[in-house]
Protein backbone atom coordinates (compact mmCIF):
# COMPACT_ATOMS: atom_id res chain seq x y z
CA MET A 1 23.79 8.39 -16.01
CA SER A 2 23.23 4.91 -17.40
CA LEU A 3 21.39 2.28 -15.44
CA VAL A 4 20.30 -1.35 -15.77
CA ILE A 5 17.33 -2.80 -13.87
CA ARG A 6 17.60 -6.57 -13.69
CA ASN A 7 15.26 -9.45 -12.80
CA GLY A 8 12.11 -7.37 -12.41
CA THR A 9 8.51 -7.95 -13.46
CA LEU A 10 7.52 -5.16 -15.81
CA ILE A 11 3.96 -3.83 -15.61
CA ASP A 12 2.72 -1.16 -17.99
CA GLU A 13 -0.40 -0.57 -20.05
CA SER A 14 0.65 -3.27 -22.53
CA GLY A 15 0.68 -5.96 -19.86
CA GLU A 16 3.05 -7.86 -17.58
CA ARG A 17 6.29 -9.62 -18.42
CA ALA A 18 9.71 -10.47 -17.01
CA ALA A 19 12.51 -8.38 -18.51
CA ASP A 20 15.57 -6.27 -17.84
CA VAL A 21 15.62 -2.56 -18.63
CA ARG A 22 18.57 -0.40 -19.65
CA ILE A 23 18.38 3.39 -19.34
CA ALA A 24 20.71 6.05 -20.77
CA ASP A 25 20.44 9.76 -21.48
CA GLY A 26 17.07 10.00 -19.77
CA ARG A 27 15.38 7.32 -21.86
CA VAL A 28 14.79 3.60 -21.96
CA VAL A 29 17.22 2.23 -24.55
CA GLU A 30 16.65 -1.52 -24.28
CA VAL A 31 14.12 -3.94 -22.80
CA GLY A 32 14.56 -7.70 -22.90
CA ALA A 33 16.07 -10.80 -21.38
CA ASP A 34 19.63 -10.58 -20.08
CA VAL A 35 20.23 -7.02 -21.23
CA ALA A 36 23.97 -6.37 -21.41
CA GLY A 37 25.13 -3.22 -19.69
CA ASP A 38 28.35 -1.25 -19.91
CA ASP A 39 31.04 -1.45 -17.25
CA GLY A 40 30.03 1.95 -15.86
CA ASP A 41 26.30 1.21 -15.55
CA ASP A 42 24.64 1.32 -12.16
CA VAL A 43 22.61 -1.84 -11.55
CA ILE A 44 19.35 -2.30 -9.63
CA ASP A 45 18.46 -5.87 -8.71
CA ALA A 46 14.66 -5.91 -8.94
CA THR A 47 14.20 -9.57 -7.97
CA GLU A 48 10.64 -10.07 -6.63
CA CYS A 49 9.89 -6.43 -7.51
CA VAL A 50 7.65 -4.70 -10.03
CA VAL A 51 9.08 -2.16 -12.48
CA SER A 52 6.34 0.22 -13.62
CA PRO A 53 5.87 3.63 -15.16
CA GLY A 54 6.24 6.24 -12.44
CA PHE A 55 3.18 7.07 -10.39
CA VAL A 56 1.29 10.32 -11.02
CA ASP A 57 -0.62 12.08 -8.25
CA LEU A 58 -3.48 14.25 -9.46
CA HIS A 59 -4.02 15.83 -6.05
CA THR A 60 -1.07 17.05 -3.98
CA HIS A 61 -1.02 19.99 -1.57
CA LEU A 62 2.54 21.28 -1.41
CA ARG A 63 1.57 24.38 0.63
CA GLU A 64 4.23 26.63 -0.87
CA PRO A 65 3.87 29.58 -1.26
CA GLY A 66 2.28 30.69 1.98
CA ARG A 67 2.29 27.78 4.42
CA GLU A 68 5.86 26.58 4.39
CA GLU A 69 5.64 25.67 8.07
CA ALA A 70 3.53 22.65 7.01
CA GLU A 71 5.27 21.67 3.76
CA THR A 72 7.56 23.04 1.08
CA ILE A 73 7.77 22.05 -2.53
CA GLU A 74 11.13 20.41 -1.78
CA THR A 75 9.92 18.35 1.19
CA GLY A 76 6.69 17.41 -0.55
CA SER A 77 8.60 16.43 -3.69
CA ARG A 78 10.89 14.21 -1.62
CA ALA A 79 7.87 12.53 -0.04
CA ALA A 80 6.41 12.04 -3.52
CA ALA A 81 9.60 10.46 -4.85
CA LEU A 82 9.77 8.11 -1.86
CA GLY A 83 6.18 7.12 -2.62
CA GLY A 84 7.09 6.24 -6.21
CA PHE A 85 5.64 9.38 -7.82
CA THR A 86 7.52 10.85 -10.74
CA ALA A 87 4.91 13.60 -11.22
CA VAL A 88 2.45 15.44 -8.99
CA VAL A 89 -0.19 18.04 -9.74
CA ALA A 90 0.21 20.82 -7.17
CA MET A 91 -3.14 22.10 -5.90
CA PRO A 92 -3.74 25.86 -6.15
CA ASN A 93 -4.93 26.60 -2.60
CA THR A 94 -1.70 28.39 -1.76
CA ASP A 95 -1.21 31.94 -0.51
CA PRO A 96 -1.23 33.64 -2.95
CA THR A 97 -3.49 31.39 -5.00
CA GLN A 98 -2.17 29.81 -8.18
CA ASP A 99 -4.37 32.05 -10.31
CA SER A 100 -1.65 33.98 -12.15
CA VAL A 101 1.32 33.20 -14.37
CA GLU A 102 3.70 34.56 -11.72
CA VAL A 103 2.57 32.18 -8.98
CA VAL A 104 2.32 29.19 -11.32
CA GLU A 105 5.85 29.80 -12.59
CA PHE A 106 7.15 30.15 -9.03
CA VAL A 107 5.74 26.73 -8.13
CA ARG A 108 7.19 25.19 -11.27
CA ARG A 109 10.65 26.68 -10.64
CA GLN A 110 10.69 25.45 -7.05
CA GLY A 111 9.90 21.96 -8.29
CA GLU A 112 12.71 22.16 -10.84
CA ARG A 113 15.15 23.25 -8.14
CA ALA A 114 14.20 20.28 -5.95
CA ARG A 115 14.82 17.82 -8.84
CA LEU A 116 12.93 15.06 -7.06
CA CYS A 117 9.75 14.75 -9.11
CA ASP A 118 7.98 16.62 -11.89
CA VAL A 119 5.85 19.28 -10.18
CA ARG A 120 2.98 20.38 -12.42
CA PRO A 121 1.11 23.40 -11.03
CA SER A 122 -2.65 23.48 -11.40
CA GLY A 123 -4.54 26.73 -11.74
CA SER A 124 -7.60 27.80 -9.81
CA ILE A 125 -10.94 28.01 -11.60
CA THR A 126 -11.75 31.36 -9.98
CA ILE A 127 -9.54 34.20 -8.86
CA GLY A 128 -8.52 33.69 -5.25
CA ARG A 129 -10.72 30.55 -5.28
CA SER A 130 -13.49 32.93 -4.24
CA GLY A 131 -16.07 31.53 -6.66
CA GLU A 132 -16.81 34.92 -8.20
CA GLN A 133 -14.60 35.64 -11.22
CA LEU A 134 -12.97 33.20 -13.61
CA THR A 135 -9.20 32.89 -13.74
CA PRO A 136 -7.55 33.75 -17.10
CA PHE A 137 -7.48 30.14 -18.31
CA ALA A 138 -5.83 30.92 -21.65
CA GLU A 139 -2.88 32.75 -20.07
CA LEU A 140 -2.25 29.87 -17.68
CA ALA A 141 -2.74 27.24 -20.38
CA ASP A 142 -0.09 29.05 -22.44
CA VAL A 143 2.48 28.39 -19.67
CA GLY A 144 1.54 24.73 -19.39
CA VAL A 145 -1.33 24.52 -16.92
CA THR A 146 -3.61 21.66 -17.96
CA LEU A 147 -5.82 21.20 -14.89
CA PHE A 148 -7.88 23.85 -13.11
CA THR A 149 -9.62 23.47 -9.76
CA ASP A 150 -10.75 25.47 -6.74
CA ASP A 151 -9.98 22.42 -4.60
CA GLY A 152 -10.90 22.94 -0.98
CA ASN A 153 -13.99 24.69 -2.31
CA GLY A 154 -16.46 23.60 -4.93
CA VAL A 155 -17.64 26.18 -7.44
CA GLN A 156 -21.03 26.91 -5.87
CA ASP A 157 -22.60 28.98 -8.66
CA PRO A 158 -23.87 26.64 -11.42
CA GLN A 159 -23.96 29.46 -13.98
CA LEU A 160 -20.31 30.31 -13.25
CA MET A 161 -19.35 26.64 -13.55
CA ARG A 162 -21.17 26.45 -16.88
CA ARG A 163 -19.22 29.47 -18.13
CA ALA A 164 -15.98 27.92 -16.90
CA LEU A 165 -16.68 24.72 -18.82
CA GLU A 166 -17.59 26.62 -21.96
CA TYR A 167 -14.40 28.68 -21.65
CA ALA A 168 -12.29 25.58 -21.04
CA SER A 169 -13.81 23.66 -23.94
CA GLY A 170 -11.79 25.74 -26.40
CA LEU A 171 -8.53 24.92 -24.63
CA ASP A 172 -6.67 21.68 -24.05
CA VAL A 173 -7.43 21.68 -20.32
CA THR A 174 -9.60 19.87 -17.77
CA LEU A 175 -11.61 21.33 -14.90
CA ALA A 176 -11.47 19.35 -11.65
CA GLN A 177 -14.29 19.81 -9.17
CA HIS A 178 -14.30 19.59 -5.38
CA CYS A 179 -17.85 18.30 -4.96
CA GLU A 180 -19.40 19.98 -1.95
CA VAL A 181 -22.57 22.06 -1.62
CA GLU A 182 -21.38 24.28 1.19
CA ALA A 183 -24.88 25.25 2.37
CA LEU A 184 -25.27 21.65 3.55
CA THR A 185 -21.92 21.32 5.34
CA ALA A 186 -21.59 24.44 7.48
CA GLY A 187 -20.07 23.48 10.85
CA ALA A 188 -19.84 19.79 9.96
CA VAL A 189 -16.90 17.73 11.20
CA MET A 190 -17.77 14.18 10.09
CA HIS A 191 -20.10 12.08 7.97
CA GLU A 192 -23.78 12.48 8.80
CA GLY A 193 -24.99 9.07 9.91
CA GLU A 194 -25.42 6.70 12.80
CA CYS A 195 -21.92 7.23 14.17
CA CYS A 196 -22.28 11.01 13.97
CA SER A 197 -25.55 10.90 15.93
CA HIS A 198 -24.04 8.65 18.58
CA LEU A 199 -21.05 10.95 19.07
CA GLY A 200 -23.10 14.14 19.04
CA LEU A 201 -20.95 15.75 16.35
CA PRO A 202 -22.28 17.97 13.52
CA GLY A 203 -22.88 15.87 10.42
CA TRP A 204 -21.77 16.21 6.81
CA PRO A 205 -24.40 14.61 4.57
CA ALA A 206 -23.48 12.48 1.59
CA LEU A 207 -26.01 14.54 -0.35
CA ALA A 208 -23.68 17.56 -0.19
CA GLU A 209 -21.26 15.70 -2.45
CA GLU A 210 -23.81 13.94 -4.59
CA LEU A 211 -25.77 17.06 -5.57
CA MET A 212 -22.68 18.65 -7.05
CA VAL A 213 -21.59 15.42 -8.74
CA HIS A 214 -25.01 15.28 -10.40
CA ARG A 215 -24.96 19.00 -11.31
CA ASP A 216 -21.55 18.85 -12.95
CA ILE A 217 -22.33 15.66 -14.84
CA GLU A 218 -25.31 17.46 -16.34
CA LEU A 219 -23.12 20.46 -17.17
CA VAL A 220 -20.75 18.12 -18.99
CA ARG A 221 -23.74 16.76 -20.89
CA LEU A 222 -24.70 20.33 -21.82
CA THR A 223 -21.27 21.73 -22.72
CA GLY A 224 -19.30 18.70 -23.85
CA ALA A 225 -16.31 19.88 -21.80
CA PRO A 226 -14.49 17.32 -19.61
CA VAL A 227 -14.73 17.34 -15.82
CA HIS A 228 -12.62 15.43 -13.34
CA LEU A 229 -14.33 14.76 -10.00
CA LEU A 230 -12.01 14.93 -7.03
CA HIS A 231 -11.90 12.51 -4.06
CA LEU A 232 -15.27 10.76 -4.44
CA SER A 233 -16.43 9.27 -1.16
CA THR A 234 -20.04 8.05 -1.34
CA ALA A 235 -21.78 5.07 -2.89
CA ARG A 236 -24.28 7.27 -4.73
CA SER A 237 -21.47 9.40 -6.23
CA VAL A 238 -19.96 6.23 -7.68
CA GLU A 239 -23.34 5.25 -9.16
CA LEU A 240 -23.76 8.69 -10.76
CA VAL A 241 -20.33 8.52 -12.39
CA ARG A 242 -20.95 4.97 -13.58
CA ALA A 243 -24.16 6.11 -15.29
CA ALA A 244 -22.43 9.16 -16.81
CA LYS A 245 -19.73 6.98 -18.32
CA ALA A 246 -22.36 4.60 -19.69
CA ASP A 247 -23.81 7.66 -21.46
CA GLY A 248 -20.41 8.40 -22.98
CA LEU A 249 -19.85 11.65 -21.08
CA ALA A 250 -16.36 13.10 -20.58
CA VAL A 251 -16.29 12.49 -16.84
CA THR A 252 -13.37 11.08 -14.87
CA ALA A 253 -13.01 10.57 -11.14
CA GLU A 254 -10.51 9.79 -8.42
CA ALA A 255 -10.55 8.23 -4.96
CA THR A 256 -8.09 8.65 -2.11
CA PRO A 257 -6.28 5.93 -0.18
CA HIS A 258 -8.10 6.95 3.00
CA HIS A 259 -11.54 6.66 1.41
CA ILE A 260 -10.80 3.04 0.45
CA SER A 261 -9.44 2.05 3.86
CA LEU A 262 -10.89 4.10 6.75
CA THR A 263 -14.44 4.66 8.04
CA ASP A 264 -16.28 7.32 10.01
CA GLU A 265 -16.25 5.16 13.16
CA LEU A 266 -12.62 6.19 13.72
CA LEU A 267 -13.87 9.66 14.70
CA ALA A 268 -15.09 8.06 17.95
CA SER A 269 -11.53 8.74 19.14
CA TYR A 270 -12.16 12.49 18.59
CA GLN A 271 -8.72 12.64 16.95
CA ALA A 272 -8.44 15.26 14.23
CA LEU A 273 -6.05 12.97 12.33
CA TYR A 274 -9.21 11.36 10.95
CA LYS A 275 -10.83 14.64 9.92
CA VAL A 276 -10.75 15.05 6.14
CA ASN A 277 -12.74 16.79 3.41
CA PRO A 278 -14.84 15.02 2.22
CA PRO A 279 -15.18 13.11 5.48
CA LEU A 280 -14.56 9.44 6.08
CA ARG A 281 -17.78 7.59 5.26
CA THR A 282 -19.43 4.27 6.17
CA MET A 283 -18.17 0.80 5.32
CA ALA A 284 -20.85 0.59 2.64
CA ASP A 285 -19.40 3.71 1.00
CA VAL A 286 -15.86 2.34 1.29
CA ASP A 287 -16.96 -0.87 -0.42
CA ALA A 288 -18.67 1.12 -3.19
CA VAL A 289 -15.57 3.24 -3.82
CA ARG A 290 -13.42 0.10 -3.92
CA GLY A 291 -15.86 -1.38 -6.41
CA GLY A 292 -15.73 1.77 -8.51
CA LEU A 293 -11.97 1.51 -8.74
CA ALA A 294 -12.14 -2.19 -9.56
CA ASP A 295 -14.55 -1.76 -12.47
CA GLY A 296 -12.97 1.43 -13.82
CA THR A 297 -15.79 3.78 -12.86
CA ILE A 298 -13.22 5.62 -10.76
CA ASP A 299 -10.16 6.19 -12.92
CA ALA A 300 -7.42 7.08 -10.48
CA ILE A 301 -6.06 6.80 -6.97
CA ALA A 302 -5.03 10.28 -5.85
CA THR A 303 -3.53 11.03 -2.46
CA ASP A 304 -5.05 14.40 -1.52
CA HIS A 305 -1.77 14.78 0.41
CA ALA A 306 -2.64 17.55 2.90
CA PRO A 307 0.11 18.34 5.42
CA HIS A 308 -0.68 20.28 8.60
CA THR A 309 1.47 21.32 11.53
CA PRO A 310 1.09 19.39 14.80
CA GLU A 311 -0.39 22.37 16.64
CA SER A 312 -3.13 22.82 14.03
CA LYS A 313 -4.13 19.15 14.13
CA GLU A 314 -4.06 19.08 17.94
CA GLN A 315 -6.98 21.52 18.10
CA PRO A 316 -10.53 20.32 18.88
CA LEU A 317 -12.30 18.62 16.00
CA ASP A 318 -14.44 21.61 15.10
CA ALA A 319 -11.38 23.89 14.86
CA ALA A 320 -8.77 21.54 13.36
CA PRO A 321 -8.23 21.72 9.58
CA PRO A 322 -9.16 18.68 7.49
CA GLY A 323 -6.51 16.61 5.76
CA MET A 324 -3.79 14.01 6.13
CA VAL A 325 -0.46 13.28 4.45
CA GLY A 326 -0.50 10.42 1.97
CA LEU A 327 2.27 10.44 -0.64
CA GLU A 328 4.54 7.94 1.10
CA THR A 329 1.77 5.55 2.12
CA ALA A 330 -0.46 5.54 -0.98
CA LEU A 331 0.90 2.38 -2.58
CA GLY A 332 0.97 0.44 0.70
CA VAL A 333 -2.64 1.39 1.50
CA ALA A 334 -3.84 0.58 -2.02
CA ILE A 335 -2.33 -2.90 -2.16
CA ALA A 336 -3.46 -3.71 1.39
CA SER A 337 -7.03 -2.43 0.83
CA LEU A 338 -8.03 -3.29 -2.72
CA ASP A 339 -9.04 -6.61 -4.26
CA MET A 340 -7.40 -5.64 -7.54
CA SER A 341 -4.48 -6.96 -9.53
CA LEU A 342 -1.16 -5.15 -9.35
CA SER A 343 -1.64 -4.12 -12.97
CA GLU A 344 -4.99 -2.51 -12.15
CA ILE A 345 -3.55 -0.69 -9.14
CA VAL A 346 -0.56 0.57 -11.12
CA GLY A 347 -2.89 1.75 -13.87
CA ALA A 348 -4.90 3.76 -11.35
CA MET A 349 -1.70 5.31 -10.02
CA SER A 350 0.22 5.81 -13.26
CA TRP A 351 -1.03 5.92 -16.84
CA ARG A 352 -4.67 6.76 -16.12
CA PRO A 353 -3.94 9.82 -13.94
CA ALA A 354 -1.21 10.83 -16.41
CA ARG A 355 -3.85 11.00 -19.15
CA ILE A 356 -6.26 12.98 -16.97
CA ALA A 357 -3.50 15.47 -16.13
CA ARG A 358 -2.58 15.59 -19.85
CA ILE A 359 1.06 14.75 -19.11
CA ASP A 360 1.00 11.31 -20.70
CA ASP A 361 3.60 12.41 -23.24
CA GLU A 362 6.18 12.01 -20.44
CA HIS A 363 4.58 10.01 -17.63
CA GLY A 364 2.71 6.72 -17.49
CA ARG A 365 4.44 5.71 -20.71
CA PRO A 366 5.07 2.14 -21.87
CA ILE A 367 8.38 0.65 -20.76
CA ALA A 368 9.92 0.40 -24.20
CA ALA A 369 12.97 1.57 -26.08
CA GLY A 370 12.84 5.27 -26.85
CA GLU A 371 10.38 6.13 -24.07
CA PRO A 372 11.11 8.61 -21.25
CA ALA A 373 12.68 6.88 -18.26
CA ASN A 374 10.24 7.91 -15.51
CA LEU A 375 9.95 4.64 -13.61
CA THR A 376 9.15 3.15 -10.22
CA VAL A 377 10.50 -0.08 -8.72
CA PHE A 378 8.49 -1.47 -5.82
CA ASP A 379 8.29 -4.62 -3.75
CA PRO A 380 4.58 -5.59 -3.69
CA GLY A 381 5.05 -8.12 -0.89
CA HIS A 382 6.89 -5.86 1.54
CA ARG A 383 4.85 -5.46 4.74
CA TRP A 384 5.52 -2.44 6.90
CA GLU A 385 4.09 0.12 9.31
CA VAL A 386 4.44 3.87 9.34
CA VAL A 387 6.87 5.60 11.68
CA PRO A 388 5.80 9.28 11.51
CA ALA A 389 9.22 10.65 12.43
CA GLU A 390 10.72 8.85 9.42
CA LEU A 391 8.40 10.47 6.88
CA ALA A 392 10.05 12.91 4.49
CA SER A 393 7.06 15.24 4.55
CA LYS A 394 7.53 18.23 6.81
CA SER A 395 4.25 17.30 8.51
CA HIS A 396 3.45 13.91 10.03
CA ASN A 397 -0.35 13.97 10.24
CA THR A 398 -0.91 10.39 9.12
CA PRO A 399 -3.72 8.15 10.40
CA PHE A 400 -1.93 4.97 9.35
CA VAL A 401 0.31 4.49 12.38
CA GLY A 402 -0.12 0.88 13.52
CA VAL A 403 -1.97 -0.06 10.32
CA PRO A 404 -0.24 -2.89 8.38
CA LEU A 405 0.61 -1.73 4.85
CA GLU A 406 1.69 -3.90 1.94
CA GLY A 407 3.99 -2.84 -0.89
CA ARG A 408 6.85 -0.37 -0.66
CA VAL A 409 8.85 1.61 -3.17
CA ARG A 410 12.49 0.63 -3.60
CA SER A 411 13.60 3.00 -6.38
CA THR A 412 12.24 5.99 -8.27
CA ILE A 413 13.81 7.12 -11.54
CA LEU A 414 13.12 10.62 -12.86
CA ARG A 415 14.22 11.37 -16.42
CA GLY A 416 16.73 8.56 -16.23
CA GLU A 417 18.26 9.55 -12.90
CA LEU A 418 17.86 7.71 -9.62
CA VAL A 419 16.22 10.00 -7.08
CA VAL A 420 15.31 7.18 -4.66
CA ASN A 421 17.27 3.96 -4.24
CA ASP A 422 16.89 1.22 -1.64
CA GLY A 423 14.06 3.27 -0.15
CA ARG A 424 16.24 6.34 0.45
CA ALA A 425 16.06 9.71 -1.27
CA LEU A 426 19.34 10.56 -2.99
CA ARG A 427 18.67 14.31 -3.05
């Protein structure tokens, strides 16, 4: 199809400007003032909207294979497209685990069938995410896996993590670490602090995250291999990453929308909607994570989209699984919560995560003639609230009901084709 986007404000890594965009055959073919289209072109009026490279989520749980009652690759892809994401990295904690070519290729094929966003499977660092034996990185890298993680579990054995980094250093891949020393978090349901003590709930110390952040930074220093740190949540973690970057180490990091907007005090309701891993922290931690995003210490905003069925989230706090859905609300939470320019927010959701995922040959690209047409059109001033029943995700475990959000996606364009228009999925 051919398409013209008119009257928008373009934001990409080169800056911000007013221009029209014409798309044909999957690519941007013209950018400029008053671009002339053909009679058969579809037209998007982007007045008062931003046109940006498509968003990239480094951290999406699509649940398939194994837990299709909570999400499928199709429903999760639709939620991603509605949230402005043209690419997502599918986490490997599926059943079976994404530790073999067969499972990785299944996930990729399901994403291609959905045709809603580019689904990039990750691979696990260890077989079965058991923390005992390394996955065959080279075999998975040969079929396009660029990011490996045992997300949901941190690699507990430092010697095994060192071997993983040494193995990965010879390949064009990145290891992503879930930073949690499990010996310090057994039985915990929320952040260890004043609120935890008041409520009488088992606490999850910030130190459990920070020890592994420190350990893996030092392993990067030793091996030279890159590490991406998932969902940072504490002030000290941000300080450690800031110092590592000052030393020139190959460390990147992400933060979730919920860790820049919600605090541990919400657990006073005893609602499992607010139970996440790592847990919601204090306002001081929230401010530090926001500051880390603002100064570039934290590279990316990643959703950690984690769908769960209603019956699983309705269990008592100690039994309910951690996680919340976030693909459709990420932009609205980010704009409402961060004291950052739109360009900085788009960078954290588009070209910076695209580079970390090593898919920046297709995603997060400049909006210029000849470039792939993976684009998002959003209204940054649109104020709205979540209606769970209207979410495209198969699960509706969102904590943002009744929370004013700002900024909503109007259109998402994948390889030159409209997959979302006027806020509605077309597939």
